[in-house]
Amino acid sequence: TWLGCTGLALAGLLALTGPSILVAVVFLGALQLLCLGLLGE
């Protein structure tokens, strides 16, 4: 849950600074997979 909140905050920060969209997508995707893995256990 905290990782999801952190990822959401970082996504907002990345949107303001204007980096590569690919970096933001990969980062958020990794967070989602991690959270799904924990839930899957």
PDB file of all heavy atoms in Angstrom:
ATOM      1  N   THR A   1       0.830  -1.207   0.000  1.00  0.00           N
ATOM      2  CA  THR A   1       0.000   0.000   0.000  1.00  0.00           C
ATOM      3  C   THR A   1       0.862   1.254   0.000  1.00  0.00           C
ATOM      4  O   THR A   1       0.619   2.199  -0.766  1.00  0.00           O
ATOM      5  CB  THR A   1      -0.927   0.002   1.224  1.00  0.00           C
ATOM      6  OG1 THR A   1      -1.756  -1.159   1.191  1.00  0.00           O
ATOM      7  CG2 THR A   1      -1.807   1.250   1.221  1.00  0.00           C
ATOM      8  N   TRP A   2       1.870   1.263   0.857  1.00  0.00           N
ATOM      9  CA  TRP A   2       2.758   2.421   0.914  1.00  0.00           C
ATOM     10  C   TRP A   2       3.558   2.592  -0.376  1.00  0.00           C
ATOM     11  O   TRP A   2       3.807   3.718  -0.826  1.00  0.00           O
ATOM     12  CB  TRP A   2       3.704   2.297   2.107  1.00  0.00           C
ATOM     13  CG  TRP A   2       3.042   2.629   3.401  1.00  0.00           C
ATOM     14  CD1 TRP A   2       2.681   1.770   4.392  1.00  0.00           C
ATOM     15  CD2 TRP A   2       2.627   3.929   3.835  1.00  0.00           C
ATOM     16  NE1 TRP A   2       2.062   2.441   5.419  1.00  0.00           N
ATOM     17  CE2 TRP A   2       2.019   3.767   5.109  1.00  0.00           C
ATOM     18  CE3 TRP A   2       2.696   5.202   3.272  1.00  0.00           C
ATOM     19  CZ2 TRP A   2       1.504   4.836   5.831  1.00  0.00           C
ATOM     20  CZ3 TRP A   2       2.184   6.272   3.999  1.00  0.00           C
ATOM     21  CH2 TRP A   2       1.598   6.093   5.261  1.00  0.00           C
ATOM     22  N   LEU A   3       3.946   1.482  -0.981  1.00  0.00           N
ATOM     23  CA  LEU A   3       4.653   1.574  -2.259  1.00  0.00           C
ATOM     24  C   LEU A   3       3.744   2.177  -3.329  1.00  0.00           C
ATOM     25  O   LEU A   3       4.193   2.957  -4.185  1.00  0.00           O
ATOM     26  CB  LEU A   3       5.140   0.189  -2.697  1.00  0.00           C
ATOM     27  CG  LEU A   3       6.358  -0.371  -1.950  1.00  0.00           C
ATOM     28  CD1 LEU A   3       6.634  -1.792  -2.407  1.00  0.00           C
ATOM     29  CD2 LEU A   3       7.583   0.504  -2.199  1.00  0.00           C
ATOM     30  N   GLY A   4       2.467   1.789  -3.291  1.00  0.00           N
ATOM     31  CA  GLY A   4       1.523   2.362  -4.244  1.00  0.00           C
ATOM     32  C   GLY A   4       1.386   3.862  -4.060  1.00  0.00           C
ATOM     33  O   GLY A   4       1.358   4.625  -5.033  1.00  0.00           O
ATOM     34  N   CYS A   5       1.300   4.322  -2.797  1.00  0.00           N
ATOM     35  CA  CYS A   5       1.214   5.761  -2.527  1.00  0.00           C
ATOM     36  C   CYS A   5       2.482   6.481  -2.976  1.00  0.00           C
ATOM     37  O   CYS A   5       2.429   7.574  -3.562  1.00  0.00           O
ATOM     38  CB  CYS A   5       0.969   5.996  -1.036  1.00  0.00           C
ATOM     39  SG  CYS A   5      -0.626   5.388  -0.452  1.00  0.00           S
ATOM     40  N   THR A   6       3.624   5.835  -2.700  1.00  0.00           N
ATOM     41  CA  THR A   6       4.900   6.431  -3.117  1.00  0.00           C
ATOM     42  C   THR A   6       4.990   6.521  -4.629  1.00  0.00           C
ATOM     43  O   THR A   6       5.429   7.539  -5.190  1.00  0.00           O
ATOM     44  CB  THR A   6       6.068   5.589  -2.582  1.00  0.00           C
ATOM     45  OG1 THR A   6       5.988   5.504  -1.155  1.00  0.00           O
ATOM     46  CG2 THR A   6       7.412   6.202  -2.967  1.00  0.00           C
ATOM     47  N   GLY A   7       4.553   5.451  -5.299  1.00  0.00           N
ATOM     48  CA  GLY A   7       4.584   5.472  -6.760  1.00  0.00           C
ATOM     49  C   GLY A   7       3.681   6.546  -7.332  1.00  0.00           C
ATOM     50  O   GLY A   7       4.032   7.206  -8.321  1.00  0.00           O
ATOM     51  N   LEU A   8       2.514   6.751  -6.706  1.00  0.00           N
ATOM     52  CA  LEU A   8       1.597   7.783  -7.178  1.00  0.00           C
ATOM     53  C   LEU A   8       2.220   9.177  -7.020  1.00  0.00           C
ATOM     54  O   LEU A   8       2.129  10.019  -7.926  1.00  0.00           O
ATOM     55  CB  LEU A   8       0.288   7.704  -6.397  1.00  0.00           C
ATOM     56  CG  LEU A   8      -0.821   8.684  -6.805  1.00  0.00           C
ATOM     57  CD1 LEU A   8      -1.225   8.441  -8.251  1.00  0.00           C
ATOM     58  CD2 LEU A   8      -2.021   8.550  -5.881  1.00  0.00           C
ATOM     59  N   ALA A   9       2.889   9.394  -5.874  1.00  0.00           N
ATOM     60  CA  ALA A   9       3.527  10.691  -5.647  1.00  0.00           C
ATOM     61  C   ALA A   9       4.660  10.925  -6.641  1.00  0.00           C
ATOM     62  O   ALA A   9       4.808  12.024  -7.204  1.00  0.00           O
ATOM     63  CB  ALA A   9       4.039  10.762  -4.218  1.00  0.00           C
ATOM     64  N   LEU A  10       5.455   9.888  -6.872  1.00  0.00           N
ATOM     65  CA  LEU A  10       6.567  10.029  -7.807  1.00  0.00           C
ATOM     66  C   LEU A  10       6.074  10.228  -9.239  1.00  0.00           C
ATOM     67  O   LEU A  10       6.683  10.963 -10.026  1.00  0.00           O
ATOM     68  CB  LEU A  10       7.464   8.792  -7.741  1.00  0.00           C
ATOM     69  CG  LEU A  10       8.328   8.673  -6.483  1.00  0.00           C
ATOM     70  CD1 LEU A  10       9.097   7.368  -6.503  1.00  0.00           C
ATOM     71  CD2 LEU A  10       9.300   9.851  -6.387  1.00  0.00           C
ATOM     72  N   ALA A  11       4.951   9.581  -9.560  1.00  0.00           N
ATOM     73  CA  ALA A  11       4.382   9.761 -10.894  1.00  0.00           C
ATOM     74  C   ALA A  11       3.968  11.212 -11.100  1.00  0.00           C
ATOM     75  O   ALA A  11       4.172  11.794 -12.178  1.00  0.00           O
ATOM     76  CB  ALA A  11       3.189   8.829 -11.087  1.00  0.00           C
ATOM     77  N   GLY A  12       3.348  11.815 -10.052  1.00  0.00           N
ATOM     78  CA  GLY A  12       2.994  13.230 -10.152  1.00  0.00           C
ATOM     79  C   GLY A  12       4.214  14.113 -10.308  1.00  0.00           C
ATOM     80  O   GLY A  12       4.215  15.079 -11.083  1.00  0.00           O
ATOM     81  N   LEU A  13       5.292  13.785  -9.577  1.00  0.00           N
ATOM     82  CA  LEU A  13       6.536  14.549  -9.677  1.00  0.00           C
ATOM     83  C   LEU A  13       7.152  14.423 -11.058  1.00  0.00           C
ATOM     84  O   LEU A  13       7.632  15.410 -11.649  1.00  0.00           O
ATOM     85  CB  LEU A  13       7.518  14.064  -8.606  1.00  0.00           C
ATOM     86  CG  LEU A  13       8.862  14.792  -8.542  1.00  0.00           C
ATOM     87  CD1 LEU A  13       8.648  16.271  -8.223  1.00  0.00           C
ATOM     88  CD2 LEU A  13       9.765  14.152  -7.507  1.00  0.00           C
ATOM     89  N   LEU A  14       7.109  13.193 -11.586  1.00  0.00           N
ATOM     90  CA  LEU A  14       7.665  12.984 -12.924  1.00  0.00           C
ATOM     91  C   LEU A  14       6.860  13.742 -13.981  1.00  0.00           C
ATOM     92  O   LEU A  14       7.415  14.243 -14.963  1.00  0.00           O
ATOM     93  CB  LEU A  14       7.670  11.479 -13.252  1.00  0.00           C
ATOM     94  CG  LEU A  14       8.675  10.621 -12.452  1.00  0.00           C
ATOM     95  CD1 LEU A  14       8.445   9.149 -12.745  1.00  0.00           C
ATOM     96  CD2 LEU A  14      10.111  11.019 -12.795  1.00  0.00           C
ATOM     97  N   ALA A  15       5.539  13.832 -13.762  1.00  0.00           N
ATOM     98  CA  ALA A  15       4.709  14.563 -14.723  1.00  0.00           C
ATOM     99  C   ALA A  15       5.059  16.048 -14.740  1.00  0.00           C
ATOM    100  O   ALA A  15       5.006  16.703 -15.789  1.00  0.00           O
ATOM    101  CB  ALA A  15       3.238  14.370 -14.379  1.00  0.00           C
ATOM    102  N   LEU A  16       5.451  16.586 -13.575  1.00  0.00           N
ATOM    103  CA  LEU A  16       5.801  18.006 -13.506  1.00  0.00           C
ATOM    104  C   LEU A  16       7.167  18.296 -14.103  1.00  0.00           C
ATOM    105  O   LEU A  16       7.383  19.330 -14.735  1.00  0.00           O
ATOM    106  CB  LEU A  16       5.774  18.465 -12.036  1.00  0.00           C
ATOM    107  CG  LEU A  16       4.394  18.469 -11.359  1.00  0.00           C
ATOM    108  CD1 LEU A  16       4.536  18.836  -9.887  1.00  0.00           C
ATOM    109  CD2 LEU A  16       3.452  19.445 -12.065  1.00  0.00           C
ATOM    110  N   THR A  17       8.100  17.356 -13.905  1.00  0.00           N
ATOM    111  CA  THR A  17       9.455  17.596 -14.413  1.00  0.00           C
ATOM    112  C   THR A  17       9.619  17.205 -15.868  1.00  0.00           C
ATOM    113  O   THR A  17      10.617  17.563 -16.491  1.00  0.00           O
ATOM    114  CB  THR A  17      10.467  16.818 -13.560  1.00  0.00           C
ATOM    115  OG1 THR A  17      10.119  15.421 -13.562  1.00  0.00           O
ATOM    116  CG2 THR A  17      10.452  17.328 -12.121  1.00  0.00           C
ATOM    117  N   GLY A  18       8.680  16.444 -16.391  1.00  0.00           N
ATOM    118  CA  GLY A  18       8.677  16.118 -17.812  1.00  0.00           C
ATOM    119  C   GLY A  18       9.748  15.163 -18.285  1.00  0.00           C
ATOM    120  O   GLY A  18      10.334  15.394 -19.345  1.00  0.00           O
ATOM    121  N   PRO A  19      10.038  14.087 -17.574  1.00  0.00           N
ATOM    122  CA  PRO A  19      11.006  13.107 -18.076  1.00  0.00           C
ATOM    123  C   PRO A  19      10.366  12.190 -19.112  1.00  0.00           C
ATOM    124  O   PRO A  19       9.191  12.369 -19.468  1.00  0.00           O
ATOM    125  CB  PRO A  19      11.389  12.341 -16.819  1.00  0.00           C
ATOM    126  CG  PRO A  19      10.135  12.361 -16.014  1.00  0.00           C
ATOM    127  CD  PRO A  19       9.497  13.688 -16.281  1.00  0.00           C
ATOM    128  N   SER A  20      11.123  11.161 -19.486  1.00  0.00           N
ATOM    129  CA  SER A  20      10.616  10.207 -20.466  1.00  0.00           C
ATOM    130  C   SER A  20       9.391   9.487 -19.923  1.00  0.00           C
ATOM    131  O   SER A  20       9.369   9.027 -18.780  1.00  0.00           O
ATOM    132  CB  SER A  20      11.705   9.189 -20.813  1.00  0.00           C
ATOM    133  OG  SER A  20      11.163   8.122 -21.572  1.00  0.00           O
ATOM    134  N   ILE A  21       8.351   9.421 -20.755  1.00  0.00           N
ATOM    135  CA  ILE A  21       7.139   8.691 -20.359  1.00  0.00           C
ATOM    136  C   ILE A  21       7.450   7.223 -20.137  1.00  0.00           C
ATOM    137  O   ILE A  21       6.871   6.574 -19.260  1.00  0.00           O
ATOM    138  CB  ILE A  21       6.046   8.860 -21.440  1.00  0.00           C
ATOM    139  CG1 ILE A  21       5.633  10.329 -21.531  1.00  0.00           C
ATOM    140  CG2 ILE A  21       4.854   7.968 -21.128  1.00  0.00           C
ATOM    141  CD1 ILE A  21       4.597  10.594 -22.591  1.00  0.00           C
ATOM    142  N   LEU A  22       8.392   6.697 -20.900  1.00  0.00           N
ATOM    143  CA  LEU A  22       8.756   5.284 -20.772  1.00  0.00           C
ATOM    144  C   LEU A  22       9.271   4.985 -19.372  1.00  0.00           C
ATOM    145  O   LEU A  22       8.931   3.947 -18.785  1.00  0.00           O
ATOM    146  CB  LEU A  22       9.819   4.924 -21.810  1.00  0.00           C
ATOM    147  CG  LEU A  22      10.333   3.468 -21.768  1.00  0.00           C
ATOM    148  CD1 LEU A  22       9.185   2.504 -22.023  1.00  0.00           C
ATOM    149  CD2 LEU A  22      11.452   3.277 -22.786  1.00  0.00           C
ATOM    150  N   VAL A  23      10.092   5.872 -18.801  1.00  0.00           N
ATOM    151  CA  VAL A  23      10.628   5.672 -17.455  1.00  0.00           C
ATOM    152  C   VAL A  23       9.490   5.597 -16.439  1.00  0.00           C
ATOM    153  O   VAL A  23       9.460   4.733 -15.561  1.00  0.00           O
ATOM    154  CB  VAL A  23      11.604   6.806 -17.082  1.00  0.00           C
ATOM    155  CG1 VAL A  23      12.030   6.676 -15.622  1.00  0.00           C
ATOM    156  CG2 VAL A  23      12.817   6.773 -17.992  1.00  0.00           C
ATOM    157  N   ALA A  24       8.546   6.540 -16.574  1.00  0.00           N
ATOM    158  CA  ALA A  24       7.412   6.567 -15.643  1.00  0.00           C
ATOM    159  C   ALA A  24       6.572   5.295 -15.761  1.00  0.00           C
ATOM    160  O   ALA A  24       6.141   4.724 -14.756  1.00  0.00           O
ATOM    161  CB  ALA A  24       6.558   7.799 -15.906  1.00  0.00           C
ATOM    162  N   VAL A  25       6.340   4.831 -16.987  1.00  0.00           N
ATOM    163  CA  VAL A  25       5.529   3.627 -17.204  1.00  0.00           C
ATOM    164  C   VAL A  25       6.214   2.400 -16.615  1.00  0.00           C
ATOM    165  O   VAL A  25       5.586   1.562 -15.945  1.00  0.00           O
ATOM    166  CB  VAL A  25       5.244   3.441 -18.703  1.00  0.00           C
ATOM    167  CG1 VAL A  25       4.610   2.071 -18.956  1.00  0.00           C
ATOM    168  CG2 VAL A  25       4.334   4.541 -19.225  1.00  0.00           C
ATOM    169  N   VAL A  26       7.522   2.281 -16.868  1.00  0.00           N
ATOM    170  CA  VAL A  26       8.274   1.133 -16.352  1.00  0.00           C
ATOM    171  C   VAL A  26       8.278   1.139 -14.825  1.00  0.00           C
ATOM    172  O   VAL A  26       8.086   0.107 -14.167  1.00  0.00           O
ATOM    173  CB  VAL A  26       9.707   1.137 -16.896  1.00  0.00           C
ATOM    174  CG1 VAL A  26      10.553   0.084 -16.186  1.00  0.00           C
ATOM    175  CG2 VAL A  26       9.707   0.882 -18.400  1.00  0.00           C
ATOM    176  N   PHE A  27       8.480   2.316 -14.235  1.00  0.00           N
ATOM    177  CA  PHE A  27       8.529   2.431 -12.776  1.00  0.00           C
ATOM    178  C   PHE A  27       7.194   2.025 -12.152  1.00  0.00           C
ATOM    179  O   PHE A  27       7.132   1.234 -11.215  1.00  0.00           O
ATOM    180  CB  PHE A  27       8.893   3.859 -12.387  1.00  0.00           C
ATOM    181  CG  PHE A  27       8.865   4.110 -10.911  1.00  0.00           C
ATOM    182  CD1 PHE A  27       9.883   3.655 -10.098  1.00  0.00           C
ATOM    183  CD2 PHE A  27       7.802   4.805 -10.332  1.00  0.00           C
ATOM    184  CE1 PHE A  27       9.853   3.876  -8.730  1.00  0.00           C
ATOM    185  CE2 PHE A  27       7.765   5.028  -8.969  1.00  0.00           C
ATOM    186  CZ  PHE A  27       8.796   4.568  -8.172  1.00  0.00           C
ATOM    187  N   LEU A  28       6.115   2.578 -12.665  1.00  0.00           N
ATOM    188  CA  LEU A  28       4.801   2.259 -12.111  1.00  0.00           C
ATOM    189  C   LEU A  28       4.424   0.807 -12.368  1.00  0.00           C
ATOM    190  O   LEU A  28       3.794   0.154 -11.521  1.00  0.00           O
ATOM    191  CB  LEU A  28       3.753   3.199 -12.695  1.00  0.00           C
ATOM    192  CG  LEU A  28       3.867   4.670 -12.276  1.00  0.00           C
ATOM    193  CD1 LEU A  28       2.854   5.514 -13.024  1.00  0.00           C
ATOM    194  CD2 LEU A  28       3.654   4.806 -10.773  1.00  0.00           C
ATOM    195  N   GLY A  29       4.810   0.292 -13.524  1.00  0.00           N
ATOM    196  CA  GLY A  29       4.529  -1.116 -13.818  1.00  0.00           C
ATOM    197  C   GLY A  29       5.245  -2.051 -12.861  1.00  0.00           C
ATOM    198  O   GLY A  29       4.681  -3.056 -12.407  1.00  0.00           O
ATOM    199  N   ALA A  30       6.498  -1.703 -12.548  1.00  0.00           N
ATOM    200  CA  ALA A  30       7.254  -2.524 -11.600  1.00  0.00           C
ATOM    201  C   ALA A  30       6.609  -2.506 -10.224  1.00  0.00           C
ATOM    202  O   ALA A  30       6.529  -3.542  -9.548  1.00  0.00           O
ATOM    203  CB  ALA A  30       8.698  -2.032 -11.522  1.00  0.00           C
ATOM    204  N   LEU A  31       6.148  -1.335  -9.788  1.00  0.00           N
ATOM    205  CA  LEU A  31       5.474  -1.247  -8.498  1.00  0.00           C
ATOM    206  C   LEU A  31       4.208  -2.099  -8.468  1.00  0.00           C
ATOM    207  O   LEU A  31       3.918  -2.791  -7.489  1.00  0.00           O
ATOM    208  CB  LEU A  31       5.121   0.208  -8.182  1.00  0.00           C
ATOM    209  CG  LEU A  31       6.229   1.101  -7.626  1.00  0.00           C
ATOM    210  CD1 LEU A  31       5.682   2.491  -7.360  1.00  0.00           C
ATOM    211  CD2 LEU A  31       6.801   0.512  -6.343  1.00  0.00           C
ATOM    212  N   GLN A  32       3.446  -2.053  -9.546  1.00  0.00           N
ATOM    213  CA  GLN A  32       2.216  -2.838  -9.612  1.00  0.00           C
ATOM    214  C   GLN A  32       2.505  -4.338  -9.543  1.00  0.00           C
ATOM    215  O   GLN A  32       1.812  -5.090  -8.843  1.00  0.00           O
ATOM    216  CB  GLN A  32       1.457  -2.509 -10.897  1.00  0.00           C
ATOM    217  CG  GLN A  32       0.840  -1.116 -10.893  1.00  0.00           C
ATOM    218  CD  GLN A  32       0.181  -0.788 -12.216  1.00  0.00           C
ATOM    219  OE1 GLN A  32       0.515  -1.361 -13.254  1.00  0.00           O
ATOM    220  NE2 GLN A  32      -0.742   0.160 -12.207  1.00  0.00           N
ATOM    221  N   LEU A  33       3.523  -4.783 -10.266  1.00  0.00           N
ATOM    222  CA  LEU A  33       3.870  -6.202 -10.249  1.00  0.00           C
ATOM    223  C   LEU A  33       4.350  -6.637  -8.863  1.00  0.00           C
ATOM    224  O   LEU A  33       4.021  -7.737  -8.399  1.00  0.00           O
ATOM    225  CB  LEU A  33       4.952  -6.485 -11.294  1.00  0.00           C
ATOM    226  CG  LEU A  33       4.509  -6.388 -12.750  1.00  0.00           C
ATOM    227  CD1 LEU A  33       5.694  -6.574 -13.686  1.00  0.00           C
ATOM    228  CD2 LEU A  33       3.433  -7.430 -13.055  1.00  0.00           C
ATOM    229  N   LEU A  34       5.107  -5.766  -8.211  1.00  0.00           N
ATOM    230  CA  LEU A  34       5.571  -6.080  -6.871  1.00  0.00           C
ATOM    231  C   LEU A  34       4.389  -6.228  -5.915  1.00  0.00           C
ATOM    232  O   LEU A  34       4.315  -7.182  -5.123  1.00  0.00           O
ATOM    233  CB  LEU A  34       6.518  -4.998  -6.361  1.00  0.00           C
ATOM    234  CG  LEU A  34       6.999  -5.138  -4.908  1.00  0.00           C
ATOM    235  CD1 LEU A  34       7.774  -6.433  -4.719  1.00  0.00           C
ATOM    236  CD2 LEU A  34       7.860  -3.938  -4.516  1.00  0.00           C
ATOM    237  N   CYS A  35       3.462  -5.310  -5.981  1.00  0.00           N
ATOM    238  CA  CYS A  35       2.289  -5.366  -5.110  1.00  0.00           C
ATOM    239  C   CYS A  35       1.431  -6.586  -5.400  1.00  0.00           C
ATOM    240  O   CYS A  35       0.924  -7.246  -4.485  1.00  0.00           O
ATOM    241  CB  CYS A  35       1.458  -4.093  -5.261  1.00  0.00           C
ATOM    242  SG  CYS A  35       2.307  -2.600  -4.695  1.00  0.00           S
ATOM    243  N   LEU A  36       1.288  -6.927  -6.677  1.00  0.00           N
ATOM    244  CA  LEU A  36       0.526  -8.127  -7.038  1.00  0.00           C
ATOM    245  C   LEU A  36       1.229  -9.385  -6.534  1.00  0.00           C
ATOM    246  O   LEU A  36       0.569 -10.348  -6.106  1.00  0.00           O
ATOM    247  CB  LEU A  36       0.354  -8.196  -8.559  1.00  0.00           C
ATOM    248  CG  LEU A  36      -0.680  -7.248  -9.168  1.00  0.00           C
ATOM    249  CD1 LEU A  36      -0.635  -7.332 -10.701  1.00  0.00           C
ATOM    250  CD2 LEU A  36      -2.084  -7.589  -8.669  1.00  0.00           C
ATOM    251  N   GLY A  37       2.557  -9.380  -6.590  1.00  0.00           N
ATOM    252  CA  GLY A  37       3.306 -10.528  -6.090  1.00  0.00           C
ATOM    253  C   GLY A  37       3.113 -10.729  -4.602  1.00  0.00           C
ATOM    254  O   GLY A  37       2.925 -11.860  -4.126  1.00  0.00           O
ATOM    255  N   LEU A  38       3.147  -9.635  -3.843  1.00  0.00           N
ATOM    256  CA  LEU A  38       2.915  -9.734  -2.404  1.00  0.00           C
ATOM    257  C   LEU A  38       1.509 -10.242  -2.106  1.00  0.00           C
ATOM    258  O   LEU A  38       1.306 -11.103  -1.241  1.00  0.00           O
ATOM    259  CB  LEU A  38       3.129  -8.367  -1.751  1.00  0.00           C
ATOM    260  CG  LEU A  38       4.564  -7.841  -1.733  1.00  0.00           C
ATOM    261  CD1 LEU A  38       4.599  -6.408  -1.237  1.00  0.00           C
ATOM    262  CD2 LEU A  38       5.441  -8.724  -0.865  1.00  0.00           C
ATOM    263  N   LEU A  39       0.527  -9.711  -2.823  1.00  0.00           N
ATOM    264  CA  LEU A  39      -0.847 -10.173  -2.640  1.00  0.00           C
ATOM    265  C   LEU A  39      -0.975 -11.643  -3.020  1.00  0.00           C
ATOM    266  O   LEU A  39      -1.672 -12.422  -2.353  1.00  0.00           O
ATOM    267  CB  LEU A  39      -1.792  -9.322  -3.488  1.00  0.00           C
ATOM    268  CG  LEU A  39      -3.280  -9.672  -3.421  1.00  0.00           C
ATOM    269  CD1 LEU A  39      -3.805  -9.520  -2.002  1.00  0.00           C
ATOM    270  CD2 LEU A  39      -4.076  -8.790  -4.382  1.00  0.00           C
ATOM    271  N   GLY A  40      -0.274 -12.030  -4.097  1.00  0.00           N
ATOM    272  CA  GLY A  40      -0.342 -13.414  -4.548  1.00  0.00           C
ATOM    273  C   GLY A  40       0.184 -14.402  -3.523  1.00  0.00           C
ATOM    274  O   GLY A  40      -0.320 -15.531  -3.419  1.00  0.00           O
ATOM    275  N   GLU A  41       1.196 -14.013  -2.750  1.00  0.00           N
ATOM    276  CA  GLU A  41       1.723 -14.889  -1.717  1.00  0.00           C
ATOM    277  C   GLU A  41       0.645 -15.243  -0.694  1.00  0.00           C
ATOM    278  O   GLU A  41       0.512 -16.392  -0.269  1.00  0.00           O
ATOM    279  CB  GLU A  41       2.914 -14.238  -1.017  1.00  0.00           C
ATOM    280  CG  GLU A  41       4.214 -14.272  -1.810  1.00  0.00           C
ATOM    281  CD  GLU A  41       4.745 -15.690  -1.970  1.00  0.00           C
ATOM    282  OE1 GLU A  41       4.501 -16.527  -1.085  1.00  0.00           O
ATOM    283  OE2 GLU A  41       5.390 -15.948  -2.997  1.00  0.00           O
TER     284      GLU A  41
END
